[in-house]
Amino acid sequence: MFDKKTLIMVSNLTLAIVAIKFLTKKRLILQSENKLNQIESQILNSEQTKQKIRRLAFEIYEENFEEKMLILAGIKGMGMLLTKELAKELEQISPLEIIQICVRLDKLQPTQSEVVLDCEPSVFENQSIVLIDDVLNTGRTLAYSLRPFLKVRVKALHTAVLIDRGHHSFPIAADFAGLRLSTTLQERIEVILYNEKNNEKKYGVYLH
């Protein structure tokens, strides 16, 4: 026969073991759900994203194959990173001379922001231009980014994005789009065109 103190110790030990098993099972379930959510939120992985960029480059070249020079104007941020990727692809698949321009503006307050280019207008005057951003949502950023290019005479002006969400509230369309995607207004698209050691999300496109 066990005394009362021993029985209490055994009972407490049993409860502790049950609690540990429950917490371990709950943690495993949460980890599984987090992995599932991460997979579901990724629209394009690294390889798929690069394929879309390469296809974009081919489409841009097909439209401009008669040109000797092409201006790629990337909106600062992920748009400029996309521009660099497209420039690499175009240099591999075409004889075009590629000139990259960085377009700077405040995306949150474009009406109060000056659109600044890192070159003089003479660089793109009478040239074919492709204005590039990572995502086309309402079209506001692209619309305001056009301002410097409308002040001089240019040969042609096109727009290119990796993702076109289709929620346009400005008269802007993407001439070249890697992926045209139907999303709700509450959802957000995130494009990542770099890898960081401490960044859980790698090169690709994500839906939030």
Protein backbone atom coordinates (compact mmCIF):
# COMPACT_ATOMS: atom_id res chain seq x y z
CA MET A 1 0.00 0.00 0.00
CA PHE A 2 1.17 3.51 -0.87
CA ASP A 3 0.87 6.28 1.66
CA LYS A 4 -1.11 9.46 0.87
CA LYS A 5 2.01 11.54 0.07
CA THR A 6 3.25 9.00 -2.48
CA LEU A 7 -0.14 8.83 -4.18
CA ILE A 8 -0.23 12.64 -4.52
CA MET A 9 3.29 12.63 -6.06
CA VAL A 10 2.29 9.91 -8.55
CA SER A 11 -0.88 11.79 -9.42
CA ASN A 12 0.99 15.05 -10.00
CA LEU A 13 3.61 13.26 -12.12
CA THR A 14 0.88 11.68 -14.26
CA LEU A 15 -0.79 15.04 -14.80
CA ALA A 16 2.56 16.58 -15.76
CA ILE A 17 3.21 13.84 -18.33
CA VAL A 18 -0.27 14.29 -19.82
CA ALA A 19 0.24 18.07 -20.00
CA ILE A 20 3.62 17.69 -21.73
CA LYS A 21 2.15 15.28 -24.29
CA PHE A 22 -0.76 17.70 -24.96
CA LEU A 23 1.51 20.73 -25.40
CA THR A 24 3.88 18.76 -27.65
CA LYS A 25 0.99 17.63 -29.85
CA LYS A 26 -0.41 21.18 -30.01
CA ARG A 27 3.00 22.56 -30.99
CA LEU A 28 3.35 20.01 -33.78
CA ILE A 29 -0.12 20.87 -35.08
CA LEU A 30 0.69 24.60 -35.09
CA GLN A 31 3.97 23.98 -36.90
CA SER A 32 2.14 21.91 -39.50
CA GLU A 33 -0.48 24.66 -39.98
CA ASN A 34 2.20 27.33 -40.31
CA LYS A 35 4.00 25.31 -43.00
CA LEU A 36 0.71 24.79 -44.82
CA ASN A 37 -0.12 28.51 -44.68
CA GLN A 38 3.36 29.38 -45.96
CA ILE A 39 2.94 27.02 -48.91
CA GLU A 40 -0.53 28.34 -49.69
CA SER A 41 0.66 31.96 -49.58
CA GLN A 42 3.45 31.45 -52.11
CA ILE A 43 2.20 32.08 -55.64
CA LEU A 44 5.49 31.69 -57.49
CA ASN A 45 8.67 30.07 -56.22
CA SER A 46 12.16 31.13 -57.27
CA GLU A 47 12.29 29.05 -60.45
CA GLN A 48 8.77 30.04 -61.54
CA THR A 49 9.47 33.71 -60.91
CA LYS A 50 12.63 33.60 -63.01
CA GLN A 51 10.71 31.87 -65.80
CA LYS A 52 8.13 34.67 -65.75
CA ILE A 53 10.87 37.30 -65.90
CA ARG A 54 12.55 35.56 -68.81
CA ARG A 55 9.25 35.35 -70.67
CA LEU A 56 8.69 39.06 -70.00
CA ALA A 57 12.08 39.79 -71.53
CA PHE A 58 11.19 37.84 -74.68
CA GLU A 59 7.88 39.71 -75.00
CA ILE A 60 9.61 43.06 -74.60
CA TYR A 61 12.21 42.11 -77.22
CA GLU A 62 9.53 40.89 -79.64
CA GLU A 63 7.89 44.32 -79.40
CA ASN A 64 11.17 46.19 -79.79
CA PHE A 65 13.26 43.94 -82.05
CA GLU A 66 13.73 46.72 -84.61
CA GLU A 67 15.25 49.08 -82.03
CA LYS A 68 18.95 49.53 -81.47
CA MET A 69 18.51 50.94 -77.97
CA LEU A 70 15.89 50.34 -75.29
CA ILE A 71 15.34 52.34 -72.11
CA LEU A 72 14.26 50.34 -69.06
CA ALA A 73 12.90 52.73 -66.41
CA GLY A 74 12.43 50.96 -63.08
CA ILE A 75 10.50 52.39 -60.14
CA LYS A 76 12.78 52.43 -57.10
CA GLY A 77 12.48 49.39 -54.89
CA MET A 78 11.37 46.04 -56.20
CA GLY A 79 10.56 47.66 -59.55
CA MET A 80 14.21 48.56 -60.02
CA LEU A 81 15.33 45.07 -59.02
CA LEU A 82 12.94 43.67 -61.65
CA THR A 83 14.45 46.10 -64.16
CA LYS A 84 17.94 44.77 -63.46
CA GLU A 85 16.73 41.19 -63.91
CA LEU A 86 15.04 42.06 -67.20
CA ALA A 87 18.15 43.90 -68.41
CA LYS A 88 20.26 40.77 -67.80
CA GLU A 89 17.82 38.62 -69.74
CA LEU A 90 17.53 41.08 -72.64
CA GLU A 91 21.30 41.34 -72.94
CA GLN A 92 21.46 37.55 -73.24
CA ILE A 93 18.70 37.12 -75.82
CA SER A 94 19.04 40.26 -77.95
CA PRO A 95 21.55 42.68 -79.50
CA LEU A 96 19.71 45.64 -77.93
CA GLU A 97 21.70 48.26 -76.08
CA ILE A 98 19.95 48.45 -72.70
CA ILE A 99 19.95 51.68 -70.68
CA GLN A 100 18.58 51.47 -67.13
CA ILE A 101 16.95 54.43 -65.44
CA CYS A 102 15.81 54.63 -61.81
CA VAL A 103 12.50 56.41 -61.13
CA ARG A 104 12.06 57.77 -57.60
CA LEU A 105 8.81 58.93 -56.03
CA ASP A 106 6.80 58.55 -52.83
CA LYS A 107 4.36 55.73 -53.60
CA LEU A 108 2.17 56.62 -50.61
CA GLN A 109 1.85 60.31 -51.56
CA PRO A 110 2.60 60.54 -55.29
CA THR A 111 0.61 63.76 -55.73
CA GLN A 112 2.87 65.53 -53.23
CA SER A 113 6.03 63.83 -54.39
CA GLU A 114 8.39 64.94 -57.12
CA VAL A 115 9.25 62.25 -59.64
CA VAL A 116 13.03 62.15 -59.90
CA LEU A 117 15.11 60.36 -62.52
CA ASP A 118 18.80 59.53 -62.24
CA CYS A 119 19.51 60.88 -65.73
CA GLU A 120 18.84 63.86 -67.96
CA PRO A 121 15.80 63.79 -70.31
CA SER A 122 18.16 63.81 -73.28
CA VAL A 123 19.07 60.20 -72.45
CA PHE A 124 15.60 58.90 -73.35
CA GLU A 125 14.46 61.56 -75.82
CA ASN A 126 13.25 59.97 -79.09
CA GLN A 127 13.83 56.51 -77.61
CA SER A 128 11.59 53.54 -76.82
CA ILE A 129 10.93 53.23 -73.10
CA VAL A 130 9.55 50.49 -70.86
CA LEU A 131 8.37 51.71 -67.44
CA ILE A 132 8.69 48.85 -64.93
CA ASP A 133 7.27 48.03 -61.51
CA ASP A 134 6.81 44.79 -59.60
CA VAL A 135 3.02 44.93 -59.07
CA LEU A 136 0.22 46.79 -60.86
CA ASN A 137 -2.65 47.35 -58.45
CA THR A 138 -4.68 50.54 -58.86
CA GLY A 139 -2.26 51.97 -61.40
CA ARG A 140 -1.61 55.10 -59.36
CA THR A 141 2.16 54.63 -59.01
CA LEU A 142 2.67 53.94 -62.71
CA ALA A 143 0.40 56.83 -63.67
CA TYR A 144 2.39 59.39 -61.69
CA SER A 145 5.70 57.83 -62.73
CA LEU A 146 4.89 58.65 -66.35
CA ARG A 147 5.14 62.41 -65.79
CA PRO A 148 8.85 62.93 -66.68
CA PHE A 149 8.48 60.90 -69.87
CA LEU A 150 5.52 62.95 -71.06
CA LYS A 151 7.51 66.17 -70.97
CA VAL A 152 9.78 65.20 -73.86
CA ARG A 153 9.25 63.54 -77.20
CA VAL A 154 9.69 59.78 -77.02
CA LYS A 155 9.37 57.13 -79.71
CA ALA A 156 7.26 54.69 -77.67
CA LEU A 157 6.31 54.19 -74.04
CA HIS A 158 5.20 50.84 -72.63
CA THR A 159 4.64 49.45 -69.14
CA ALA A 160 5.74 46.12 -67.69
CA VAL A 161 4.99 44.46 -64.36
CA LEU A 162 5.64 41.06 -62.89
CA ILE A 163 2.13 40.83 -61.36
CA ASP A 164 -1.02 42.55 -62.64
CA ARG A 165 -3.75 42.37 -59.99
CA GLY A 166 -6.42 44.00 -62.14
CA HIS A 167 -7.83 46.43 -59.55
CA HIS A 168 -7.23 49.44 -61.81
CA SER A 169 -8.69 52.77 -60.76
CA PHE A 170 -6.43 54.77 -63.09
CA PRO A 171 -6.38 54.52 -66.92
CA ILE A 172 -3.23 52.40 -66.82
CA ALA A 173 -2.72 48.95 -68.29
CA ALA A 174 0.31 46.68 -68.33
CA ASP A 175 1.55 46.09 -71.87
CA PHE A 176 3.69 43.25 -70.51
CA ALA A 177 2.75 41.21 -67.43
CA GLY A 178 4.40 38.09 -66.06
CA LEU A 179 1.19 36.97 -64.36
CA ARG A 180 -2.31 38.42 -64.39
CA LEU A 181 -3.90 37.52 -61.07
CA SER A 182 -7.41 37.91 -59.65
CA THR A 183 -7.29 38.90 -55.96
CA THR A 184 -9.58 40.58 -53.45
CA LEU A 185 -8.99 44.17 -52.36
CA GLN A 186 -8.08 42.92 -48.88
CA GLU A 187 -5.29 40.69 -50.16
CA ARG A 188 -1.75 41.93 -50.72
CA ILE A 189 0.89 40.78 -53.20
CA GLU A 190 4.53 40.76 -52.13
CA VAL A 191 7.35 40.32 -54.62
CA ILE A 192 10.80 39.39 -53.32
CA LEU A 193 13.63 39.39 -55.84
CA TYR A 194 16.51 38.69 -53.46
CA ASN A 195 17.51 36.15 -50.83
CA GLU A 196 18.59 37.01 -47.30
CA LYS A 197 19.98 34.56 -44.76
CA ASN A 198 17.68 35.78 -41.97
CA ASN A 199 14.64 36.23 -44.23
CA GLU A 200 12.16 33.34 -44.01
CA LYS A 201 10.69 34.28 -47.38
CA LYS A 202 12.95 33.68 -50.32
CA TYR A 203 13.00 34.86 -53.94
CA GLY A 204 9.43 34.59 -55.21
CA VAL A 205 5.91 36.02 -55.12
CA TYR A 206 3.63 35.80 -52.08
CA LEU A 207 -0.04 36.44 -51.34
CA HIS A 208 -1.12 37.84 -47.95
